[in-house]
């Protein structure tokens, strides 16, 4: 007899899994230490007018599915009306069976709006109108959506030029959910486009209120911005990289390369990697000196469809998993920092599942007392944050490290409706442990298992990160 879809025991195959989830994991708050939520919308307690605005604007996961379903671009990133876009998404949903979007879509409808009906072309109008009407009520402002999901902390991702005015307003308002910035300095080492980098450096000079005329002053300006973020409660950095950068270089070489950049001259490949290697060391030292955690997101092959990049822009769904060399440069990068005693707490995320065991073993090389789990194998990321990818990350970490010390899940999302991804992860985690109990691979010791689950869901992150919590904790 077929099981019902998405019951309260969704993904929980054993009695032990159900106990672990319903009695322990489900009640834990959410600590979302990496996301791309717009801080401005939190600061202004933004209210969305309809379901398309909160669900489809900026969601490249859905956009990719719609393109695969033959939907014209005008209904994706184009100028079609909001309901027209939603209608095309609804018609795509039935074709998403076995894609995580099918699960996420219906989890979000159920958790936020109390809708258990399946979304398709026939139900689109009713679901759209019901959800949009709710979104226009006071209970569905973005701050109330966060409260509804029991969120206690989020870290948004901001570049060094950001004045953090929205974060200041959030704190000044006394919002009980902690909202911190995470420092994302990728543009400071984007040497592939020297013209764009020079324009960015000019803006940095203005933001730091100092002249940037050489490499030394460049680092000084960046440190001033890093200090500014620190003064405004930032305790976390984030880098989006194809791979780690760990070329050998001399200070004189980097100074000469910077002068070449400021002279508007394009760099060769070796000069690019040397400059990035130097910058990554400097950024890590800044983080260490301030007691921050650094995050490295490794392995994305971005903007592969140049025609659509020109038409729609970056971050519109034309990226994929890359197959870059990871192990050697990553080992050299971490070792260089460790050898000068400047290796900060670090979280490593890989996009290629073939690198799971590489990353899981690499973090083990640099663990150090007194911080439990100082080096973290980050949660399954982007294309991997689905059932199979989450299970593989959990299994690799379990086999080669300490799953019990894992800091858990994050949304990595631009949407305020993405918090059920934490639920999705928690159900998969509890099911994995429940299956191990059933097969006798781990003891049926509920006290031991409950502490592990509660740690991974919330407590480990709360203890690991140096950010201050909101007043609700």
Protein backbone atom coordinates (compact mmCIF):
# COMPACT_ATOMS: atom_id res chain seq x y z
CA UNK A 1 0.00 0.00 0.00
CA UNK A 2 1.42 3.38 -1.01
CA UNK A 3 2.33 5.82 1.74
CA UNK A 4 0.83 9.28 1.91
CA UNK A 5 2.96 12.12 0.66
CA UNK A 6 4.71 14.40 3.12
CA UNK A 7 3.06 13.36 6.37
CA UNK A 8 4.42 14.40 9.75
CA UNK A 9 6.78 11.43 9.45
CA UNK A 10 8.10 12.51 6.03
CA UNK A 11 11.56 10.93 5.40
CA UNK A 12 11.51 9.22 8.82
CA UNK A 13 11.63 5.49 8.11
CA UNK A 14 12.07 4.06 11.60
CA UNK A 15 10.61 4.56 15.04
CA UNK A 16 13.98 5.76 16.34
CA UNK A 17 14.17 8.36 13.56
CA UNK A 18 10.69 9.58 14.42
CA UNK A 19 11.56 9.93 18.11
CA UNK A 20 14.80 11.75 17.35
CA UNK A 21 13.09 14.20 15.03
CA UNK A 22 9.81 14.90 16.81
CA UNK A 23 11.15 14.95 20.36
CA UNK A 24 14.52 16.60 19.77
CA UNK A 25 15.39 18.00 16.33
CA UNK A 26 12.03 19.59 15.54
CA UNK A 27 12.03 21.89 18.56
CA UNK A 28 15.54 23.26 18.07
CA UNK A 29 15.85 26.89 16.93
CA UNK A 30 17.48 27.81 13.62
CA UNK A 31 21.01 29.22 13.51
CA UNK A 32 21.41 30.25 9.87
CA UNK A 33 25.05 31.31 9.72
CA UNK A 34 25.23 31.68 5.92
CA UNK A 35 22.57 33.14 3.67
CA UNK A 36 22.01 35.83 1.05
CA UNK A 37 18.89 37.43 2.49
CA UNK A 38 18.69 41.17 1.72
CA UNK A 39 19.44 42.97 4.98
CA UNK A 40 17.46 45.95 3.71
CA UNK A 41 14.26 43.88 3.69
CA UNK A 42 14.84 42.78 7.28
CA UNK A 43 15.63 46.35 8.34
CA UNK A 44 12.41 47.64 6.76
CA UNK A 45 10.35 44.61 7.82
CA UNK A 46 9.40 44.25 4.17
CA UNK A 47 6.03 42.90 3.10
CA UNK A 48 5.68 41.07 -0.19
CA UNK A 49 2.65 41.74 -2.33
CA UNK A 50 2.34 38.27 -3.81
CA UNK A 51 3.78 34.77 -3.87
CA UNK A 52 5.85 35.34 -7.01
CA UNK A 53 7.79 38.18 -5.40
CA UNK A 54 8.87 36.15 -2.38
CA UNK A 55 9.20 32.80 -4.16
CA UNK A 56 10.43 33.35 -7.71
CA UNK A 57 12.37 36.61 -7.73
CA UNK A 58 16.05 35.67 -7.69
CA UNK A 59 15.53 31.90 -7.27
CA UNK A 60 17.84 30.35 -9.85
CA UNK A 61 16.95 26.83 -8.64
CA UNK A 62 13.39 27.33 -9.90
CA UNK A 63 14.57 29.19 -12.98
CA UNK A 64 16.75 26.24 -14.05
CA UNK A 65 13.83 23.85 -13.64
CA UNK A 66 11.56 26.11 -15.68
CA UNK A 67 14.10 26.32 -18.50
CA UNK A 68 14.45 22.53 -18.45
CA UNK A 69 10.67 22.36 -18.79
CA UNK A 70 10.75 24.49 -21.92
CA UNK A 71 9.45 27.73 -20.37
CA UNK A 72 10.34 30.90 -22.29
CA UNK A 73 12.77 33.29 -20.58
CA UNK A 74 10.18 36.08 -20.45
CA UNK A 75 8.41 34.05 -17.74
CA UNK A 76 11.65 33.48 -15.84
CA UNK A 77 13.85 36.58 -15.77
CA UNK A 78 11.85 38.52 -18.34
CA UNK A 79 9.05 41.07 -18.22
CA UNK A 80 6.03 38.81 -17.86
CA UNK A 81 3.59 39.66 -15.06
CA UNK A 82 3.93 38.14 -11.62
CA UNK A 83 0.98 35.79 -11.95
CA UNK A 84 2.07 34.73 -15.44
CA UNK A 85 5.44 33.75 -14.02
CA UNK A 86 3.86 31.88 -11.13
CA UNK A 87 1.52 30.05 -13.50
CA UNK A 88 4.51 28.78 -15.51
CA UNK A 89 6.24 27.71 -12.30
CA UNK A 90 3.15 25.87 -11.09
CA UNK A 91 2.92 24.06 -14.44
CA UNK A 92 6.58 23.03 -14.00
CA UNK A 93 6.24 21.65 -10.47
CA UNK A 94 4.71 18.26 -11.46
CA UNK A 95 7.75 17.67 -13.66
CA UNK A 96 10.02 18.19 -10.64
CA UNK A 97 9.26 14.78 -9.11
CA UNK A 98 12.46 13.44 -7.47
CA UNK A 99 14.04 16.89 -7.66
CA UNK A 100 14.45 18.56 -4.23
CA UNK A 101 12.38 21.46 -5.52
CA UNK A 102 9.31 19.26 -5.29
CA UNK A 103 9.94 18.62 -1.61
CA UNK A 104 10.94 22.20 -0.79
CA UNK A 105 7.94 23.65 -2.62
CA UNK A 106 5.42 21.61 -0.69
CA UNK A 107 7.23 21.94 2.64
CA UNK A 108 7.15 25.72 2.24
CA UNK A 109 3.48 25.79 1.28
CA UNK A 110 2.64 23.66 4.30
CA UNK A 111 4.84 25.32 6.93
CA UNK A 112 4.16 28.95 6.07
CA UNK A 113 0.66 28.86 4.61
CA UNK A 114 -0.89 25.64 5.93
CA UNK A 115 -1.47 24.36 2.38
CA UNK A 116 -1.22 20.60 1.84
CA UNK A 117 -2.62 20.61 -1.69
CA UNK A 118 -0.18 19.75 -4.48
CA UNK A 119 0.86 22.67 -6.67
CA UNK A 120 0.15 22.24 -10.37
CA UNK A 121 -1.52 24.11 -13.23
CA UNK A 122 -5.00 23.32 -11.89
CA UNK A 123 -4.34 24.51 -8.33
CA UNK A 124 -2.14 27.47 -9.27
CA UNK A 125 -4.75 30.23 -9.12
CA UNK A 126 -6.21 29.22 -5.75
CA UNK A 127 -2.81 28.70 -4.11
CA UNK A 128 -1.47 31.96 -5.53
CA UNK A 129 -4.42 33.98 -4.30
CA UNK A 130 -4.52 32.35 -0.87
CA UNK A 131 -0.80 32.80 -0.25
CA UNK A 132 -0.68 36.30 -1.68
CA UNK A 133 -3.58 37.38 0.52
CA UNK A 134 -1.78 36.03 3.59
CA UNK A 135 1.48 37.72 2.57
CA UNK A 136 -0.28 41.07 2.66
CA UNK A 137 -1.29 40.62 6.31
CA UNK A 138 0.82 41.90 9.24
CA UNK A 139 1.63 38.35 10.33
CA UNK A 140 3.61 37.77 7.12
CA UNK A 141 6.17 40.57 7.18
CA UNK A 142 9.69 39.23 6.79
CA UNK A 143 10.48 39.56 10.50
CA UNK A 144 7.35 37.62 11.38
CA UNK A 145 8.24 34.95 8.82
CA UNK A 146 11.57 34.54 10.61
CA UNK A 147 9.82 34.39 13.99
CA UNK A 148 7.38 31.82 12.63
CA UNK A 149 10.28 29.52 11.74
CA UNK A 150 11.95 29.89 15.17
CA UNK A 151 15.02 31.60 13.73
CA UNK A 152 17.47 32.93 16.31
CA UNK A 153 20.39 34.14 14.18
CA UNK A 154 21.17 34.81 10.53
CA UNK A 155 24.31 36.03 8.79
CA UNK A 156 23.78 37.89 5.55
CA UNK A 157 26.59 38.21 3.00
CA UNK A 158 27.97 41.69 2.30
CA UNK A 159 30.92 43.08 0.36
CA UNK A 160 33.57 45.28 2.02
CA UNK A 161 32.13 48.52 0.59
CA UNK A 162 28.78 48.06 2.30
CA UNK A 163 28.09 50.73 4.92
CA UNK A 164 26.04 48.24 6.97
CA UNK A 165 23.34 50.83 7.58
CA UNK A 166 20.64 48.16 7.40
CA UNK A 167 22.35 46.04 10.05
CA UNK A 168 22.67 49.11 12.24
CA UNK A 169 18.94 49.79 11.90
CA UNK A 170 18.06 46.19 12.73
CA UNK A 171 20.05 46.41 15.97
CA UNK A 172 18.71 49.85 16.77
CA UNK A 173 15.17 48.54 16.38
CA UNK A 174 15.86 45.94 19.06
CA UNK A 175 14.86 43.05 16.76
CA UNK A 176 15.24 39.96 18.92
CA UNK A 177 16.63 37.79 16.11
CA UNK A 178 20.34 38.46 15.70
CA UNK A 179 21.23 39.59 12.16
CA UNK A 180 24.95 39.83 11.45
CA UNK A 181 26.92 40.66 8.32
CA UNK A 182 29.44 38.24 6.83
CA UNK A 183 32.40 39.80 5.00
CA UNK A 184 32.63 38.68 1.33
CA UNK A 185 35.74 40.28 -0.27
CA UNK A 186 35.73 38.37 -3.58
CA UNK A 187 35.69 41.60 -5.61
CA UNK A 188 38.97 42.68 -4.01
CA UNK A 189 40.81 39.91 -5.86
CA UNK A 190 38.75 39.70 -9.06
CA UNK A 191 41.79 40.26 -11.27
CA UNK A 192 40.28 38.71 -14.40
CA UNK A 193 38.76 42.11 -15.24
CA UNK A 194 41.34 44.77 -14.40
CA UNK A 195 39.08 47.65 -15.44
CA UNK A 196 36.29 46.55 -13.08
CA UNK A 197 38.79 45.90 -10.29
CA UNK A 198 40.24 49.39 -10.63
CA UNK A 199 36.78 50.93 -10.37
CA UNK A 200 36.21 48.84 -7.24
CA UNK A 201 39.54 49.97 -5.76
CA UNK A 202 38.56 53.60 -6.35
CA UNK A 203 35.34 52.98 -4.40
CA UNK A 204 37.32 51.26 -1.65
CA UNK A 205 39.55 54.31 -1.39
CA UNK A 206 36.47 56.44 -0.85
CA UNK A 207 34.89 54.04 1.66
CA UNK A 208 38.12 53.78 3.67
CA UNK A 209 38.71 57.54 3.39
CA UNK A 210 42.29 57.14 2.25
CA UNK A 211 44.31 57.15 -0.93
CA UNK A 212 45.13 53.75 -2.41
CA UNK A 213 48.25 54.15 -4.52
CA UNK A 214 50.18 50.95 -3.90
CA UNK A 215 49.78 47.43 -2.51
CA UNK A 216 50.61 48.49 1.05
CA UNK A 217 47.88 51.14 1.09
CA UNK A 218 45.50 48.66 -0.57
CA UNK A 219 45.91 46.27 2.34
CA UNK A 220 45.56 49.13 4.80
CA UNK A 221 42.27 50.20 3.22
CA UNK A 222 40.96 46.65 3.31
CA UNK A 223 41.95 46.31 6.98
CA UNK A 224 40.10 49.52 7.76
CA UNK A 225 36.96 48.06 6.17
CA UNK A 226 37.52 44.74 7.96
CA UNK A 227 37.80 46.66 11.25
CA UNK A 228 34.61 48.55 10.39
CA UNK A 229 32.76 45.28 9.87
CA UNK A 230 34.18 44.00 13.16
CA UNK A 231 32.99 47.13 14.97
CA UNK A 232 29.54 46.39 13.55
CA UNK A 233 29.38 42.84 14.95
CA UNK A 234 30.70 40.91 11.93
CA UNK A 235 32.61 37.81 13.01
CA UNK A 236 32.52 35.72 9.86
CA UNK A 237 34.02 35.89 6.37
CA UNK A 238 33.06 34.06 3.22
CA UNK A 239 34.89 33.44 -0.05
CA UNK A 240 33.53 32.00 -3.29
CA UNK A 241 36.48 30.35 -5.05
CA UNK A 242 37.02 27.91 -7.89
CA UNK A 243 39.77 26.35 -5.77
CA UNK A 244 42.16 27.36 -3.03
CA UNK A 245 45.02 29.64 -4.09
CA UNK A 246 48.46 28.86 -2.69
CA UNK A 247 51.10 29.81 -5.23
CA UNK A 248 54.50 30.88 -3.93
CA UNK A 249 55.14 34.60 -4.18
CA UNK A 250 57.33 37.36 -2.87
CA UNK A 251 56.17 40.69 -1.52
CA UNK A 252 58.00 42.49 -4.31
CA UNK A 253 56.18 40.39 -6.90
CA UNK A 254 52.76 41.25 -5.46
CA UNK A 255 53.63 44.93 -5.26
CA UNK A 256 54.64 44.88 -8.92
CA UNK A 257 51.46 43.03 -9.87
CA UNK A 258 49.36 45.59 -8.03
CA UNK A 259 51.12 48.42 -9.84
CA UNK A 260 50.37 46.66 -13.10
CA UNK A 261 46.69 46.44 -12.10
CA UNK A 262 46.56 50.13 -11.29
CA UNK A 263 48.21 50.84 -14.60
CA UNK A 264 45.30 49.14 -16.34
CA UNK A 265 47.36 46.27 -17.73
CA UNK A 266 45.90 42.77 -17.97
CA UNK A 267 47.59 40.06 -15.91
CA UNK A 268 48.73 36.69 -17.18
CA UNK A 269 47.41 33.55 -15.50
CA UNK A 270 50.41 33.13 -13.19
CA UNK A 271 50.19 36.74 -12.04
CA UNK A 272 46.48 36.28 -11.33
CA UNK A 273 46.98 33.21 -9.16
CA UNK A 274 49.92 34.77 -7.31
CA UNK A 275 47.86 37.85 -6.50
CA UNK A 276 44.90 35.77 -5.34
CA UNK A 277 47.22 33.63 -3.23
CA UNK A 278 48.62 36.70 -1.51
CA UNK A 279 45.20 38.20 -0.92
CA UNK A 280 43.78 35.00 0.58
CA UNK A 281 46.65 34.84 3.06
CA UNK A 282 46.08 38.47 4.05
CA UNK A 283 42.33 37.96 4.44
CA UNK A 284 42.86 34.88 6.61
CA UNK A 285 45.33 36.75 8.83
CA UNK A 286 42.81 39.57 9.26
CA UNK A 287 40.20 37.00 10.29
CA UNK A 288 42.54 35.26 12.72
CA UNK A 289 43.62 38.50 14.34
CA UNK A 290 39.98 39.45 14.94
CA UNK A 291 38.85 36.01 16.09
CA UNK A 292 36.62 35.44 13.06
CA UNK A 293 35.57 32.25 11.30
CA UNK A 294 36.48 31.97 7.61
CA UNK A 295 34.33 30.08 5.09
CA UNK A 296 35.63 28.83 1.74
CA UNK A 297 33.05 27.82 -0.89
CA UNK A 298 35.04 25.80 -3.41
CA UNK A 299 34.31 24.38 -6.82
CA UNK A 300 31.66 26.38 -8.70
CA UNK A 301 32.10 26.78 -12.44
CA UNK A 302 30.26 30.04 -13.01
CA UNK A 303 28.64 31.77 -15.97
CA UNK A 304 29.14 28.97 -18.48
CA UNK A 305 26.41 30.26 -20.83
CA UNK A 306 27.89 33.54 -22.03
CA UNK A 307 24.90 34.37 -24.21
CA UNK A 308 22.52 34.18 -21.28
CA UNK A 309 25.03 35.88 -19.00
CA UNK A 310 24.89 38.88 -21.33
CA UNK A 311 21.09 38.75 -21.51
CA UNK A 312 20.14 38.01 -17.89
CA UNK A 313 23.27 38.67 -15.83
CA UNK A 314 25.17 36.67 -13.20
CA UNK A 315 23.53 34.41 -10.59
CA UNK A 316 20.65 33.57 -12.93
CA UNK A 317 21.16 29.83 -13.15
CA UNK A 318 24.02 29.27 -15.58
CA UNK A 319 26.59 27.84 -13.15
CA UNK A 320 27.54 24.21 -12.59
CA UNK A 321 29.77 21.90 -10.61
CA UNK A 322 33.45 22.34 -11.50
CA UNK A 323 36.24 19.77 -11.51
CA UNK A 324 39.13 21.89 -10.28
CA UNK A 325 42.15 20.51 -8.44
CA UNK A 326 41.38 21.04 -4.76
CA UNK A 327 43.58 18.92 -2.50
CA UNK A 328 47.11 20.21 -3.11
CA UNK A 329 46.40 23.96 -3.18
CA UNK A 330 44.01 23.69 -0.24
CA UNK A 331 46.59 21.79 1.79
CA UNK A 332 49.27 24.37 0.97
CA UNK A 333 46.98 27.27 1.85
CA UNK A 334 45.98 25.87 5.23
CA UNK A 335 49.53 24.76 6.02
CA UNK A 336 50.98 28.19 5.23
CA UNK A 337 48.60 29.79 7.72
CA UNK A 338 49.10 27.06 10.32
CA UNK A 339 52.89 27.38 10.08
CA UNK A 340 52.71 31.03 11.15
CA UNK A 341 50.02 30.28 13.76
CA UNK A 342 47.42 32.37 11.89
CA UNK A 343 44.91 29.73 10.83
CA UNK A 344 41.42 30.86 11.91
CA UNK A 345 38.48 28.60 12.52
CA UNK A 346 37.57 27.44 9.02
CA UNK A 347 34.57 25.90 7.27
CA UNK A 348 35.18 24.25 3.89
CA UNK A 349 32.34 23.64 1.43
CA UNK A 350 32.83 21.66 -1.77
CA UNK A 351 30.50 21.72 -4.75
CA UNK A 352 31.87 18.61 -6.46
CA UNK A 353 30.70 15.51 -4.54
CA UNK A 354 33.89 13.80 -5.67
CA UNK A 355 35.70 16.09 -3.23
CA UNK A 356 33.72 15.00 -0.16
CA UNK A 357 36.41 12.73 1.20
CA UNK A 358 39.14 15.18 0.18
CA UNK A 359 37.61 17.92 2.32
CA UNK A 360 36.64 15.56 5.15
CA UNK A 361 40.24 14.38 5.48
CA UNK A 362 41.77 17.82 4.90
CA UNK A 363 39.98 19.37 7.89
CA UNK A 364 41.36 16.55 10.03
CA UNK A 365 44.91 17.62 9.22
CA UNK A 366 44.53 20.96 11.00
CA UNK A 367 42.31 20.34 14.02
CA UNK A 368 43.75 21.94 17.12
CA UNK A 369 43.04 22.18 20.84
CA UNK A 370 41.22 23.80 22.55
CA UNK A 371 38.47 24.36 19.94
CA UNK A 372 36.39 21.22 19.28
CA UNK A 373 35.84 20.94 15.54
CA UNK A 374 37.95 24.02 14.77
CA UNK A 375 38.10 22.89 11.14
CA UNK A 376 34.69 22.06 9.69
CA UNK A 377 33.53 20.11 6.65
CA UNK A 378 30.62 22.37 5.74
CA UNK A 379 27.11 21.20 4.97
CA UNK A 380 26.13 19.95 1.52
CA UNK A 381 26.14 23.08 -0.63
CA UNK A 382 24.14 24.37 -3.62
CA UNK A 383 23.67 21.51 -6.07
CA UNK A 384 24.35 19.08 -3.21
CA UNK A 385 21.83 20.33 -0.62
CA UNK A 386 19.36 17.61 -1.56
CA UNK A 387 18.67 14.22 0.02
CA UNK A 388 21.43 12.29 -1.71
CA UNK A 389 23.98 15.07 -1.30
CA UNK A 390 23.15 15.60 2.37
CA UNK A 391 23.40 11.88 3.10
CA UNK A 392 26.77 11.66 1.33
CA UNK A 393 28.16 14.63 3.26
CA UNK A 394 26.94 13.16 6.55
CA UNK A 395 28.43 9.76 5.72
CA UNK A 396 31.81 11.15 4.62
CA UNK A 397 32.08 13.30 7.73
CA UNK A 398 30.99 10.40 9.94
CA UNK A 399 33.54 8.01 8.46
CA UNK A 400 36.48 10.42 8.41
CA UNK A 401 35.77 12.94 11.18
CA UNK A 402 33.39 13.66 14.03
CA UNK A 403 29.79 14.12 12.95
CA UNK A 404 28.93 14.96 16.57
CA UNK A 405 30.96 18.20 16.29
CA UNK A 406 29.33 19.31 13.01
CA UNK A 407 27.90 22.86 13.01
CA UNK A 408 24.99 21.80 10.86
CA UNK A 409 22.77 23.19 8.13
CA UNK A 410 22.31 26.62 6.57
CA UNK A 411 19.96 27.96 3.90
CA UNK A 412 22.44 29.70 1.54
CA UNK A 413 19.30 31.34 0.15
CA UNK A 414 17.89 34.69 -0.91
CA UNK A 415 14.36 33.69 0.08
CA UNK A 416 12.57 34.15 3.40
CA UNK A 417 10.63 30.97 2.58
CA UNK A 418 13.72 28.74 2.60
CA UNK A 419 13.90 27.93 6.30
CA UNK A 420 12.22 24.51 5.86
CA UNK A 421 15.55 23.43 4.35
CA UNK A 422 16.69 23.14 7.97
CA UNK A 423 13.75 20.81 8.62
CA UNK A 424 14.64 18.82 5.50
CA UNK A 425 18.21 18.38 6.71
CA UNK A 426 17.12 17.47 10.24
CA UNK A 427 14.76 14.78 9.00
CA UNK A 428 17.52 13.27 6.86
CA UNK A 429 19.96 13.40 9.79
CA UNK A 430 17.51 11.72 12.15
CA UNK A 431 16.64 9.10 9.55
CA UNK A 432 20.31 8.27 9.05
CA UNK A 433 20.85 7.80 12.78
CA UNK A 434 17.58 5.90 13.14
CA UNK A 435 18.61 3.44 10.45
CA UNK A 436 21.95 2.93 12.22
CA UNK A 437 20.12 2.08 15.45
CA UNK A 438 17.86 -0.40 13.63
CA UNK A 439 20.86 -2.20 12.13
CA UNK A 440 22.75 -2.22 15.43
CA UNK A 441 25.54 0.03 14.13
CA UNK A 442 25.05 2.58 16.90
CA UNK A 443 23.59 1.96 20.38
CA UNK A 444 19.94 2.68 21.12
CA UNK A 445 21.00 5.21 23.74
CA UNK A 446 18.51 8.04 23.43
CA UNK A 447 20.43 10.38 25.74
CA UNK A 448 23.57 10.00 23.61
CA UNK A 449 21.70 10.35 20.32
CA UNK A 450 19.56 13.27 21.47
CA UNK A 451 22.61 15.28 22.53
CA UNK A 452 24.18 14.61 19.15
CA UNK A 453 21.07 15.68 17.23
CA UNK A 454 20.50 18.82 19.28
CA UNK A 455 24.15 19.71 18.87
CA UNK A 456 24.12 19.40 15.10
CA UNK A 457 20.80 21.22 14.76
CA UNK A 458 21.73 24.25 16.87
CA UNK A 459 23.97 23.93 19.92
CA UNK A 460 27.25 23.25 18.09
CA UNK A 461 26.89 26.35 15.91
CA UNK A 462 25.91 28.47 18.91
CA UNK A 463 29.08 27.37 20.69
CA UNK A 464 31.36 27.52 17.61
CA UNK A 465 30.65 30.97 16.23
CA UNK A 466 31.68 34.15 18.07
CA UNK A 467 28.58 36.15 17.04
CA UNK A 468 26.36 37.52 19.76
CA UNK A 469 22.89 36.05 19.94
CA UNK A 470 19.68 38.07 19.98
CA UNK A 471 17.75 38.84 23.14
CA UNK A 472 15.52 35.78 22.66
CA UNK A 473 18.29 33.41 23.80
